[in-house]
Amino acid sequence: MQTVSVTVSVMTLTSISIDRWYAICHPLKFKSTTSRARTAIIIIWIVGLASDIPELLVLEAIEKTKRFSSIYLTQCEALWSQESETIYQIAKTIVLYILPLLLMSVAYYQIVRVLWKSDNIPGHTETVQMFNANAYNGFNRTATMGCTSTMAQIKARRKAAKMLVAVVVMFALCFFPVHLMNLLR
């Protein structure tokens, strides 16, 4: 079940990044529906469960000590060859680490570009200019509040962009040692 939970976690993070990319970079084409989310969840769990089948077939519980008969000193070991184990671990590293990391990196890079490069919120500048044109004595409280609101939204966007970068960095840092140890072992 460890492989299942890791696979589901990684695929969920990847799915969220693709969903966010689609919503932010292509907002007019994006349609978030309950059935779409349900389908994604079902696919993620099916793939997660299927990813555990090879280990389910080849792992066997073996006692690690001859002195004591204890379930606490039992370990699962693969019954297949070392070459098959190496190929499996390389494939697992590619599918559960490298590909998701690449997908998330590309998606979040494009999202960060969209969030960071835009200095205004679409349609918001026109509204502020309209209020300024109608203002008496060149000052309009609503227009000033609009500019403040725009700046707050830009700051919030940039903060969100930094958080997306942090998600990818944390994913890379946290999962790297696990995959490295599996490959070295």
N, C-alpha and C. Protein backbone atom coordinates (compact mmCIF):
# COMPACT_ATOMS: atom_id res chain seq x y z
N MET A 1 0.83 -1.21 0.00
CA MET A 1 0.00 0.00 0.00
C MET A 1 0.86 1.27 0.00
N GLN A 2 2.15 1.12 0.35
CA GLN A 2 3.03 2.28 0.32
C GLN A 2 3.16 2.81 -1.11
N THR A 3 3.34 1.91 -2.06
CA THR A 3 3.44 2.32 -3.46
C THR A 3 2.15 2.99 -3.92
N VAL A 4 1.02 2.45 -3.51
CA VAL A 4 -0.28 3.03 -3.88
C VAL A 4 -0.40 4.45 -3.35
N SER A 5 -0.10 4.65 -2.08
CA SER A 5 -0.26 5.98 -1.50
C SER A 5 0.70 6.99 -2.12
N VAL A 6 1.93 6.57 -2.41
CA VAL A 6 2.89 7.47 -3.05
C VAL A 6 2.42 7.81 -4.46
N THR A 7 2.00 6.81 -5.20
CA THR A 7 1.53 7.03 -6.57
C THR A 7 0.32 7.96 -6.59
N VAL A 8 -0.63 7.73 -5.71
CA VAL A 8 -1.82 8.59 -5.65
C VAL A 8 -1.44 10.02 -5.28
N SER A 9 -0.53 10.19 -4.33
CA SER A 9 -0.09 11.53 -3.93
C SER A 9 0.59 12.26 -5.08
N VAL A 10 1.50 11.58 -5.75
CA VAL A 10 2.24 12.20 -6.86
C VAL A 10 1.30 12.54 -8.00
N MET A 11 0.41 11.61 -8.34
CA MET A 11 -0.52 11.87 -9.44
C MET A 11 -1.52 12.97 -9.09
N THR A 12 -1.91 13.07 -7.83
CA THR A 12 -2.80 14.14 -7.41
C THR A 12 -2.12 15.49 -7.53
N LEU A 13 -0.88 15.59 -7.07
CA LEU A 13 -0.12 16.84 -7.21
C LEU A 13 0.04 17.22 -8.68
N THR A 14 0.33 16.24 -9.52
CA THR A 14 0.50 16.49 -10.95
C THR A 14 -0.83 16.92 -11.58
N SER A 15 -1.90 16.25 -11.21
CA SER A 15 -3.22 16.60 -11.73
C SER A 15 -3.62 18.01 -11.32
N ILE A 16 -3.35 18.37 -10.08
CA ILE A 16 -3.67 19.72 -9.60
C ILE A 16 -2.87 20.76 -10.38
N SER A 17 -1.60 20.48 -10.65
CA SER A 17 -0.78 21.45 -11.38
C SER A 17 -1.29 21.63 -12.80
N ILE A 18 -1.69 20.54 -13.45
CA ILE A 18 -2.23 20.64 -14.81
C ILE A 18 -3.56 21.37 -14.80
N ASP A 19 -4.39 21.09 -13.80
CA ASP A 19 -5.68 21.76 -13.67
C ASP A 19 -5.50 23.26 -13.45
N ARG A 20 -4.57 23.63 -12.58
CA ARG A 20 -4.28 25.06 -12.34
C ARG A 20 -3.74 25.72 -13.60
N TRP A 21 -2.84 25.02 -14.31
CA TRP A 21 -2.27 25.57 -15.53
C TRP A 21 -3.39 25.87 -16.54
N TYR A 22 -4.27 24.91 -16.70
CA TYR A 22 -5.37 25.06 -17.64
C TYR A 22 -6.28 26.22 -17.23
N ALA A 23 -6.58 26.32 -15.94
CA ALA A 23 -7.49 27.37 -15.45
C ALA A 23 -6.86 28.76 -15.57
N ILE A 24 -5.56 28.88 -15.33
CA ILE A 24 -4.92 30.20 -15.33
C ILE A 24 -4.42 30.60 -16.71
N CYS A 25 -3.84 29.67 -17.45
CA CYS A 25 -3.28 30.00 -18.75
C CYS A 25 -4.31 29.96 -19.89
N HIS A 26 -5.38 29.22 -19.70
CA HIS A 26 -6.45 29.12 -20.72
C HIS A 26 -7.81 29.26 -20.03
N PRO A 27 -8.08 30.40 -19.39
CA PRO A 27 -9.31 30.53 -18.59
C PRO A 27 -10.60 30.44 -19.39
N LEU A 28 -10.58 30.83 -20.65
CA LEU A 28 -11.82 30.80 -21.43
C LEU A 28 -12.18 29.38 -21.88
N LYS A 29 -11.19 28.50 -21.96
CA LYS A 29 -11.44 27.11 -22.37
C LYS A 29 -11.70 26.20 -21.17
N PHE A 30 -11.36 26.67 -19.99
CA PHE A 30 -11.42 25.84 -18.78
C PHE A 30 -12.85 25.71 -18.28
N LYS A 31 -13.25 24.46 -18.04
CA LYS A 31 -14.57 24.19 -17.46
C LYS A 31 -14.37 23.19 -16.34
N SER A 32 -14.44 23.65 -15.13
CA SER A 32 -14.29 22.76 -13.98
C SER A 32 -15.66 22.20 -13.61
N THR A 33 -15.75 20.88 -13.66
CA THR A 33 -17.02 20.24 -13.32
C THR A 33 -16.78 19.15 -12.30
N THR A 34 -17.81 18.79 -11.60
CA THR A 34 -17.73 17.72 -10.61
C THR A 34 -17.42 16.39 -11.29
N SER A 35 -18.03 16.13 -12.43
CA SER A 35 -17.79 14.86 -13.12
C SER A 35 -16.35 14.76 -13.61
N ARG A 36 -15.78 15.88 -14.02
CA ARG A 36 -14.38 15.89 -14.45
C ARG A 36 -13.45 15.58 -13.27
N ALA A 37 -13.72 16.17 -12.13
CA ALA A 37 -12.92 15.91 -10.92
C ALA A 37 -13.09 14.46 -10.48
N ARG A 38 -14.31 13.97 -10.52
CA ARG A 38 -14.59 12.59 -10.12
C ARG A 38 -13.84 11.62 -11.05
N THR A 39 -13.86 11.89 -12.34
CA THR A 39 -13.15 11.04 -13.31
C THR A 39 -11.65 11.05 -13.04
N ALA A 40 -11.09 12.21 -12.76
CA ALA A 40 -9.66 12.31 -12.47
C ALA A 40 -9.30 11.52 -11.21
N ILE A 41 -10.13 11.62 -10.19
CA ILE A 41 -9.88 10.88 -8.94
C ILE A 41 -9.93 9.37 -9.18
N ILE A 42 -10.92 8.92 -9.93
CA ILE A 42 -11.06 7.49 -10.22
C ILE A 42 -9.85 6.99 -11.01
N ILE A 43 -9.42 7.74 -12.02
CA ILE A 43 -8.26 7.35 -12.82
C ILE A 43 -7.00 7.30 -11.96
N ILE A 44 -6.83 8.31 -11.11
CA ILE A 44 -5.66 8.35 -10.22
C ILE A 44 -5.62 7.11 -9.33
N TRP A 45 -6.75 6.73 -8.75
CA TRP A 45 -6.77 5.57 -7.85
C TRP A 45 -6.59 4.25 -8.61
N ILE A 46 -7.14 4.15 -9.80
CA ILE A 46 -6.96 2.93 -10.60
C ILE A 46 -5.48 2.76 -10.97
N VAL A 47 -4.86 3.84 -11.43
CA VAL A 47 -3.43 3.78 -11.77
C VAL A 47 -2.60 3.50 -10.52
N GLY A 48 -2.97 4.12 -9.39
CA GLY A 48 -2.26 3.89 -8.14
C GLY A 48 -2.32 2.43 -7.71
N LEU A 49 -3.51 1.85 -7.79
CA LEU A 49 -3.67 0.43 -7.43
C LEU A 49 -2.95 -0.48 -8.42
N ALA A 50 -3.01 -0.14 -9.71
CA ALA A 50 -2.34 -0.95 -10.72
C ALA A 50 -0.82 -0.88 -10.57
N SER A 51 -0.32 0.24 -10.09
CA SER A 51 1.14 0.39 -9.93
C SER A 51 1.69 -0.53 -8.86
N ASP A 52 0.84 -1.02 -7.99
CA ASP A 52 1.28 -1.89 -6.90
C ASP A 52 1.27 -3.37 -7.29
N ILE A 53 0.69 -3.71 -8.42
CA ILE A 53 0.57 -5.11 -8.83
C ILE A 53 1.94 -5.80 -8.95
N PRO A 54 2.95 -5.18 -9.59
CA PRO A 54 4.24 -5.89 -9.66
C PRO A 54 4.81 -6.24 -8.28
N GLU A 55 4.75 -5.32 -7.35
CA GLU A 55 5.27 -5.60 -6.01
C GLU A 55 4.41 -6.63 -5.29
N LEU A 56 3.12 -6.57 -5.51
CA LEU A 56 2.21 -7.52 -4.89
C LEU A 56 2.52 -8.95 -5.34
N LEU A 57 2.95 -9.10 -6.58
CA LEU A 57 3.25 -10.41 -7.14
C LEU A 57 4.62 -10.96 -6.73
N VAL A 58 5.60 -10.07 -6.51
CA VAL A 58 6.97 -10.57 -6.30
C VAL A 58 7.50 -10.41 -4.88
N LEU A 59 6.82 -9.68 -4.03
CA LEU A 59 7.33 -9.51 -2.67
C LEU A 59 6.85 -10.66 -1.78
N GLU A 60 7.76 -11.10 -0.92
CA GLU A 60 7.42 -12.16 0.02
C GLU A 60 7.99 -11.80 1.39
N ALA A 61 7.21 -12.06 2.43
CA ALA A 61 7.66 -11.77 3.79
C ALA A 61 8.67 -12.83 4.22
N ILE A 62 9.83 -12.36 4.65
CA ILE A 62 10.91 -13.27 5.05
C ILE A 62 11.41 -12.84 6.42
N GLU A 63 11.56 -13.82 7.33
CA GLU A 63 12.11 -13.52 8.66
C GLU A 63 13.58 -13.18 8.53
N LYS A 64 13.98 -12.12 9.20
CA LYS A 64 15.36 -11.65 9.09
C LYS A 64 16.27 -12.20 10.19
N THR A 65 15.73 -12.97 11.09
CA THR A 65 16.56 -13.51 12.16
C THR A 65 16.23 -14.98 12.36
N LYS A 66 17.21 -15.72 12.76
CA LYS A 66 17.01 -17.15 13.00
C LYS A 66 16.75 -17.43 14.48
N ARG A 67 17.16 -16.52 15.36
CA ARG A 67 17.01 -16.72 16.80
C ARG A 67 15.57 -16.59 17.29
N PHE A 68 14.93 -15.51 16.84
CA PHE A 68 13.59 -15.20 17.35
C PHE A 68 12.59 -15.32 16.22
N SER A 69 11.43 -15.81 16.56
CA SER A 69 10.34 -15.84 15.60
C SER A 69 9.42 -14.68 15.95
N SER A 70 9.58 -13.61 15.21
CA SER A 70 8.81 -12.41 15.52
C SER A 70 8.38 -11.71 14.24
N ILE A 71 7.16 -11.25 14.24
CA ILE A 71 6.65 -10.51 13.09
C ILE A 71 7.38 -9.16 12.93
N TYR A 72 7.93 -8.63 14.02
CA TYR A 72 8.62 -7.34 13.97
C TYR A 72 9.96 -7.43 13.25
N LEU A 73 10.50 -8.63 13.12
CA LEU A 73 11.78 -8.82 12.44
C LEU A 73 11.60 -9.45 11.07
N THR A 74 10.43 -9.21 10.47
CA THR A 74 10.11 -9.73 9.15
C THR A 74 10.18 -8.60 8.13
N GLN A 75 10.69 -8.93 6.95
CA GLN A 75 10.86 -7.91 5.92
C GLN A 75 10.38 -8.47 4.59
N CYS A 76 9.86 -7.61 3.74
CA CYS A 76 9.45 -8.04 2.40
C CYS A 76 10.65 -7.95 1.46
N GLU A 77 10.85 -9.00 0.71
CA GLU A 77 11.94 -9.03 -0.27
C GLU A 77 11.38 -9.48 -1.61
N ALA A 78 11.94 -8.93 -2.68
CA ALA A 78 11.51 -9.28 -4.02
C ALA A 78 12.07 -10.64 -4.42
N LEU A 79 11.24 -11.42 -5.09
CA LEU A 79 11.65 -12.75 -5.53
C LEU A 79 12.23 -12.73 -6.95
N TRP A 80 12.18 -11.60 -7.61
CA TRP A 80 12.69 -11.56 -8.97
C TRP A 80 14.18 -11.24 -8.99
N SER A 81 14.77 -11.26 -10.17
CA SER A 81 16.21 -11.06 -10.30
C SER A 81 16.61 -9.62 -10.00
N GLN A 82 17.89 -9.44 -9.73
CA GLN A 82 18.41 -8.09 -9.46
C GLN A 82 18.23 -7.19 -10.67
N GLU A 83 18.39 -7.74 -11.86
CA GLU A 83 18.21 -6.97 -13.10
C GLU A 83 16.76 -6.49 -13.22
N SER A 84 15.81 -7.37 -12.93
CA SER A 84 14.40 -6.98 -12.99
C SER A 84 14.09 -5.92 -11.95
N GLU A 85 14.66 -6.06 -10.76
CA GLU A 85 14.47 -5.06 -9.70
C GLU A 85 15.01 -3.70 -10.12
N THR A 86 16.19 -3.69 -10.76
CA THR A 86 16.79 -2.44 -11.22
C THR A 86 15.92 -1.78 -12.28
N ILE A 87 15.46 -2.55 -13.23
CA ILE A 87 14.59 -2.01 -14.29
C ILE A 87 13.30 -1.45 -13.69
N TYR A 88 12.73 -2.19 -12.75
CA TYR A 88 11.49 -1.74 -12.09
C TYR A 88 11.72 -0.43 -11.34
N GLN A 89 12.81 -0.33 -10.60
CA GLN A 89 13.08 0.89 -9.82
C GLN A 89 13.37 2.08 -10.74
N ILE A 90 14.05 1.85 -11.85
CA ILE A 90 14.30 2.94 -12.82
C ILE A 90 12.98 3.40 -13.42
N ALA A 91 12.14 2.46 -13.82
CA ALA A 91 10.83 2.80 -14.39
C ALA A 91 9.99 3.57 -13.37
N LYS A 92 10.01 3.10 -12.12
CA LYS A 92 9.25 3.77 -11.06
C LYS A 92 9.76 5.19 -10.83
N THR A 93 11.07 5.37 -10.87
CA THR A 93 11.66 6.71 -10.69
C THR A 93 11.25 7.63 -11.83
N ILE A 94 11.25 7.11 -13.04
CA ILE A 94 10.86 7.94 -14.19
C ILE A 94 9.39 8.31 -14.11
N VAL A 95 8.54 7.31 -13.85
CA VAL A 95 7.08 7.53 -13.86
C VAL A 95 6.59 8.31 -12.64
N LEU A 96 7.20 8.06 -11.46
CA LEU A 96 6.69 8.68 -10.23
C LEU A 96 7.51 9.88 -9.75
N TYR A 97 8.61 10.19 -10.45
CA TYR A 97 9.41 11.33 -10.01
C TYR A 97 9.77 12.26 -11.16
N ILE A 98 10.46 11.74 -12.15
CA ILE A 98 10.98 12.60 -13.22
C ILE A 98 9.85 13.19 -14.07
N LEU A 99 8.94 12.35 -14.58
CA LEU A 99 7.84 12.87 -15.42
C LEU A 99 6.92 13.83 -14.65
N PRO A 100 6.47 13.46 -13.44
CA PRO A 100 5.64 14.43 -12.70
C PRO A 100 6.38 15.73 -12.39
N LEU A 101 7.66 15.62 -12.05
CA LEU A 101 8.45 16.83 -11.77
C LEU A 101 8.55 17.71 -13.00
N LEU A 102 8.77 17.10 -14.16
CA LEU A 102 8.81 17.88 -15.40
C LEU A 102 7.46 18.52 -15.71
N LEU A 103 6.39 17.74 -15.59
CA LEU A 103 5.04 18.28 -15.85
C LEU A 103 4.71 19.45 -14.92
N MET A 104 4.97 19.24 -13.61
CA MET A 104 4.69 20.31 -12.65
C MET A 104 5.56 21.53 -12.90
N SER A 105 6.81 21.31 -13.21
CA SER A 105 7.73 22.43 -13.46
C SER A 105 7.29 23.26 -14.65
N VAL A 106 6.95 22.59 -15.74
CA VAL A 106 6.50 23.30 -16.94
C VAL A 106 5.18 24.03 -16.67
N ALA A 107 4.23 23.34 -16.05
CA ALA A 107 2.92 23.95 -15.76
C ALA A 107 3.07 25.16 -14.85
N TYR A 108 3.81 25.00 -13.75
CA TYR A 108 3.94 26.10 -12.80
C TYR A 108 4.82 27.21 -13.35
N TYR A 109 5.78 26.90 -14.22
CA TYR A 109 6.58 27.95 -14.86
C TYR A 109 5.67 28.84 -15.71
N GLN A 110 4.79 28.21 -16.49
CA GLN A 110 3.88 28.99 -17.33
C GLN A 110 2.88 29.78 -16.48
N ILE A 111 2.42 29.18 -15.38
CA ILE A 111 1.51 29.89 -14.49
C ILE A 111 2.21 31.09 -13.87
N VAL A 112 3.43 30.90 -13.40
CA VAL A 112 4.20 32.00 -12.80
C VAL A 112 4.41 33.12 -13.81
N ARG A 113 4.72 32.75 -15.05
CA ARG A 113 4.89 33.78 -16.10
C ARG A 113 3.61 34.60 -16.26
N VAL A 114 2.46 33.92 -16.30
CA VAL A 114 1.19 34.62 -16.47
C VAL A 114 0.89 35.50 -15.26
N LEU A 115 1.08 34.96 -14.06
CA LEU A 115 0.77 35.72 -12.85
C LEU A 115 1.76 36.86 -12.62
N TRP A 116 3.00 36.66 -12.95
CA TRP A 116 4.03 37.65 -12.64
C TRP A 116 4.09 38.77 -13.68
N LYS A 117 3.88 38.43 -14.96
CA LYS A 117 4.08 39.44 -16.00
C LYS A 117 2.93 40.44 -16.08
N SER A 118 1.73 40.03 -15.70
CA SER A 118 0.60 40.94 -15.84
C SER A 118 0.60 41.94 -14.68
N ASP A 119 0.67 43.20 -15.03
CA ASP A 119 0.70 44.26 -14.02
C ASP A 119 -0.68 44.78 -13.66
N ASN A 120 -1.67 44.33 -14.40
CA ASN A 120 -3.02 44.75 -14.05
C ASN A 120 -3.98 43.59 -14.22
N ILE A 121 -5.14 43.78 -13.70
CA ILE A 121 -6.17 42.76 -13.79
C ILE A 121 -7.04 43.11 -14.99
N PRO A 122 -7.31 42.14 -15.88
CA PRO A 122 -8.08 42.45 -17.09
C PRO A 122 -9.39 43.17 -16.78
N GLY A 123 -9.60 44.31 -17.49
CA GLY A 123 -10.83 45.07 -17.31
C GLY A 123 -10.79 46.04 -16.14
N HIS A 124 -9.85 45.86 -15.22
CA HIS A 124 -9.80 46.69 -14.01
C HIS A 124 -9.26 48.09 -14.31
N THR A 125 -8.27 48.20 -15.21
CA THR A 125 -7.68 49.50 -15.55
C THR A 125 -8.72 50.39 -16.22
N GLU A 126 -9.52 49.81 -17.11
CA GLU A 126 -10.54 50.59 -17.80
C GLU A 126 -11.56 51.15 -16.81
N THR A 127 -11.92 50.36 -15.81
CA THR A 127 -12.87 50.81 -14.79
C THR A 127 -12.30 51.98 -14.01
N VAL A 128 -11.04 51.87 -13.61
CA VAL A 128 -10.40 52.95 -12.85
C VAL A 128 -10.30 54.21 -13.70
N GLN A 129 -9.96 54.08 -14.99
CA GLN A 129 -9.86 55.24 -15.86
C GLN A 129 -11.23 55.90 -16.05
N MET A 130 -12.29 55.10 -16.15
CA MET A 130 -13.63 55.64 -16.30
C MET A 130 -14.01 56.47 -15.07
N PHE A 131 -13.71 55.95 -13.86
CA PHE A 131 -14.00 56.69 -12.65
C PHE A 131 -13.18 57.98 -12.59
N ASN A 132 -11.93 57.92 -13.04
CA ASN A 132 -11.09 59.11 -13.03
C ASN A 132 -11.64 60.18 -13.98
N ALA A 133 -12.16 59.76 -15.12
CA ALA A 133 -12.70 60.70 -16.09
C ALA A 133 -13.95 61.40 -15.55
N ASN A 134 -14.72 60.71 -14.75
CA ASN A 134 -15.95 61.27 -14.20
C ASN A 134 -15.75 61.98 -12.87
N ALA A 135 -14.55 61.96 -12.36
CA ALA A 135 -14.29 62.51 -11.02
C ALA A 135 -14.34 64.03 -11.03
N TYR A 136 -14.79 64.56 -9.91
CA TYR A 136 -14.81 66.01 -9.75
C TYR A 136 -13.49 66.43 -9.13
N ASN A 137 -12.95 67.54 -9.61
CA ASN A 137 -11.69 68.11 -9.11
C ASN A 137 -10.52 67.12 -9.23
N GLY A 138 -10.60 66.17 -10.15
CA GLY A 138 -9.48 65.26 -10.38
C GLY A 138 -9.29 64.20 -9.31
N PHE A 139 -10.18 64.10 -8.32
CA PHE A 139 -10.00 63.09 -7.27
C PHE A 139 -11.28 62.30 -7.11
N ASN A 140 -11.14 61.01 -7.07
CA ASN A 140 -12.30 60.14 -6.91
C ASN A 140 -11.92 59.03 -5.94
N ARG A 141 -12.66 58.96 -4.86
CA ARG A 141 -12.37 57.96 -3.82
C ARG A 141 -12.48 56.53 -4.37
N THR A 142 -13.47 56.28 -5.24
CA THR A 142 -13.66 54.96 -5.79
C THR A 142 -12.48 54.57 -6.68
N ALA A 143 -11.97 55.51 -7.48
CA ALA A 143 -10.83 55.23 -8.35
C ALA A 143 -9.59 54.93 -7.52
N THR A 144 -9.40 55.69 -6.45
CA THR A 144 -8.25 55.45 -5.58
C THR A 144 -8.35 54.07 -4.95
N MET A 145 -9.55 53.70 -4.52
CA MET A 145 -9.75 52.38 -3.94
C MET A 145 -9.51 51.30 -4.99
N GLY A 146 -9.88 51.60 -6.26
CA GLY A 146 -9.65 50.65 -7.35
C GLY A 146 -8.18 50.39 -7.56
N CYS A 147 -7.35 51.45 -7.51
CA CYS A 147 -5.90 51.29 -7.67
C CYS A 147 -5.32 50.47 -6.53
N THR A 148 -5.80 50.75 -5.31
CA THR A 148 -5.33 50.00 -4.14
C THR A 148 -5.72 48.54 -4.27
N SER A 149 -6.94 48.30 -4.73
CA SER A 149 -7.42 46.94 -4.92
C SER A 149 -6.58 46.22 -5.98
N THR A 150 -6.26 46.91 -7.07
CA THR A 150 -5.43 46.33 -8.12
C THR A 150 -4.06 45.95 -7.58
N MET A 151 -3.45 46.84 -6.82
CA MET A 151 -2.12 46.55 -6.26
C MET A 151 -2.19 45.36 -5.30
N ALA A 152 -3.25 45.28 -4.51
CA ALA A 152 -3.41 44.16 -3.59
C ALA A 152 -3.56 42.85 -4.36
N GLN A 153 -4.29 42.88 -5.46
CA GLN A 153 -4.48 41.67 -6.25
C GLN A 153 -3.18 41.26 -6.95
N ILE A 154 -2.40 42.22 -7.40
CA ILE A 154 -1.12 41.91 -8.02
C ILE A 154 -0.18 41.29 -6.99
N LYS A 155 -0.17 41.84 -5.77
CA LYS A 155 0.66 41.27 -4.70
C LYS A 155 0.21 39.84 -4.38
N ALA A 156 -1.10 39.63 -4.33
CA ALA A 156 -1.63 38.30 -4.04
C ALA A 156 -1.25 37.32 -5.14
N ARG A 157 -1.28 37.75 -6.41
CA ARG A 157 -0.89 36.90 -7.52
C ARG A 157 0.57 36.51 -7.42
N ARG A 158 1.40 37.46 -7.08
CA ARG A 158 2.84 37.18 -6.99
C ARG A 158 3.13 36.26 -5.80
N LYS A 159 2.39 36.45 -4.73
CA LYS A 159 2.55 35.55 -3.58
C LYS A 159 2.14 34.13 -3.96
N ALA A 160 1.06 34.00 -4.72
CA ALA A 160 0.60 32.69 -5.19
C ALA A 160 1.64 32.06 -6.12
N ALA A 161 2.26 32.87 -6.97
CA ALA A 161 3.30 32.37 -7.86
C ALA A 161 4.48 31.82 -7.07
N LYS A 162 4.87 32.52 -6.02
CA LYS A 162 5.97 32.04 -5.18
C LYS A 162 5.60 30.72 -4.49
N MET A 163 4.35 30.59 -4.09
CA MET A 163 3.89 29.36 -3.44
C MET A 163 3.94 28.19 -4.42
N LEU A 164 3.60 28.42 -5.67
CA LEU A 164 3.65 27.35 -6.67
C LEU A 164 5.09 26.88 -6.87
N VAL A 165 6.03 27.80 -6.89
CA VAL A 165 7.44 27.43 -7.01
C VAL A 165 7.85 26.60 -5.79
N ALA A 166 7.39 27.00 -4.62
CA ALA A 166 7.72 26.27 -3.40
C ALA A 166 7.18 24.84 -3.45
N VAL A 167 6.00 24.65 -4.01
CA VAL A 167 5.41 23.30 -4.12
C VAL A 167 6.30 22.40 -4.96
N VAL A 168 6.76 22.89 -6.10
CA VAL A 168 7.60 22.08 -6.98
C VAL A 168 8.95 21.79 -6.31
N VAL A 169 9.54 22.79 -5.68
CA VAL A 169 10.83 22.60 -5.00
C VAL A 169 10.70 21.58 -3.88
N MET A 170 9.64 21.68 -3.08
CA MET A 170 9.44 20.73 -1.98
C MET A 170 9.20 19.32 -2.51
N PHE A 171 8.44 19.19 -3.57
CA PHE A 171 8.22 17.88 -4.19
C PHE A 171 9.56 17.28 -4.61
N ALA A 172 10.37 18.08 -5.31
CA ALA A 172 11.67 17.60 -5.80
C ALA A 172 12.57 17.20 -4.64
N LEU A 173 12.63 18.02 -3.61
CA LEU A 173 13.52 17.74 -2.47
C LEU A 173 13.05 16.55 -1.63
N CYS A 174 11.76 16.44 -1.41
CA CYS A 174 11.25 15.38 -0.54
C CYS A 174 11.26 14.00 -1.19
N PHE A 175 10.99 13.92 -2.48
CA PHE A 175 10.92 12.63 -3.13
C PHE A 175 12.27 12.17 -3.69
N PHE A 176 13.22 13.08 -3.88
CA PHE A 176 14.51 12.70 -4.42
C PHE A 176 15.23 11.65 -3.58
N PRO A 177 15.36 11.83 -2.26
CA PRO A 177 16.07 10.82 -1.47
C PRO A 177 15.44 9.42 -1.54
N VAL A 178 14.13 9.35 -1.58
CA VAL A 178 13.44 8.06 -1.65
C VAL A 178 13.82 7.33 -2.93
N HIS A 179 13.73 8.04 -4.05
CA HIS A 179 14.03 7.41 -5.33
C HIS A 179 15.53 7.11 -5.47
N LEU A 180 16.36 7.99 -4.96
CA LEU A 180 17.80 7.75 -4.99
C LEU A 180 18.17 6.49 -4.21
N MET A 181 17.61 6.36 -3.01
CA MET A 181 17.90 5.17 -2.19
C MET A 181 17.39 3.90 -2.84
N ASN A 182 16.20 3.95 -3.47
CA ASN A 182 15.69 2.77 -4.16
C ASN A 182 16.59 2.37 -5.32
N LEU A 183 17.11 3.35 -6.06
CA LEU A 183 18.01 3.06 -7.17
C LEU A 183 19.35 2.52 -6.68
N LEU A 184 19.88 3.13 -5.62
CA LEU A 184 21.18 2.68 -5.11
C LEU A 184 21.08 1.28 -4.49
N ARG A 185 19.95 1.02 -3.82
CA ARG A 185 19.76 -0.28 -3.20
C ARG A 185 19.67 -1.36 -4.26
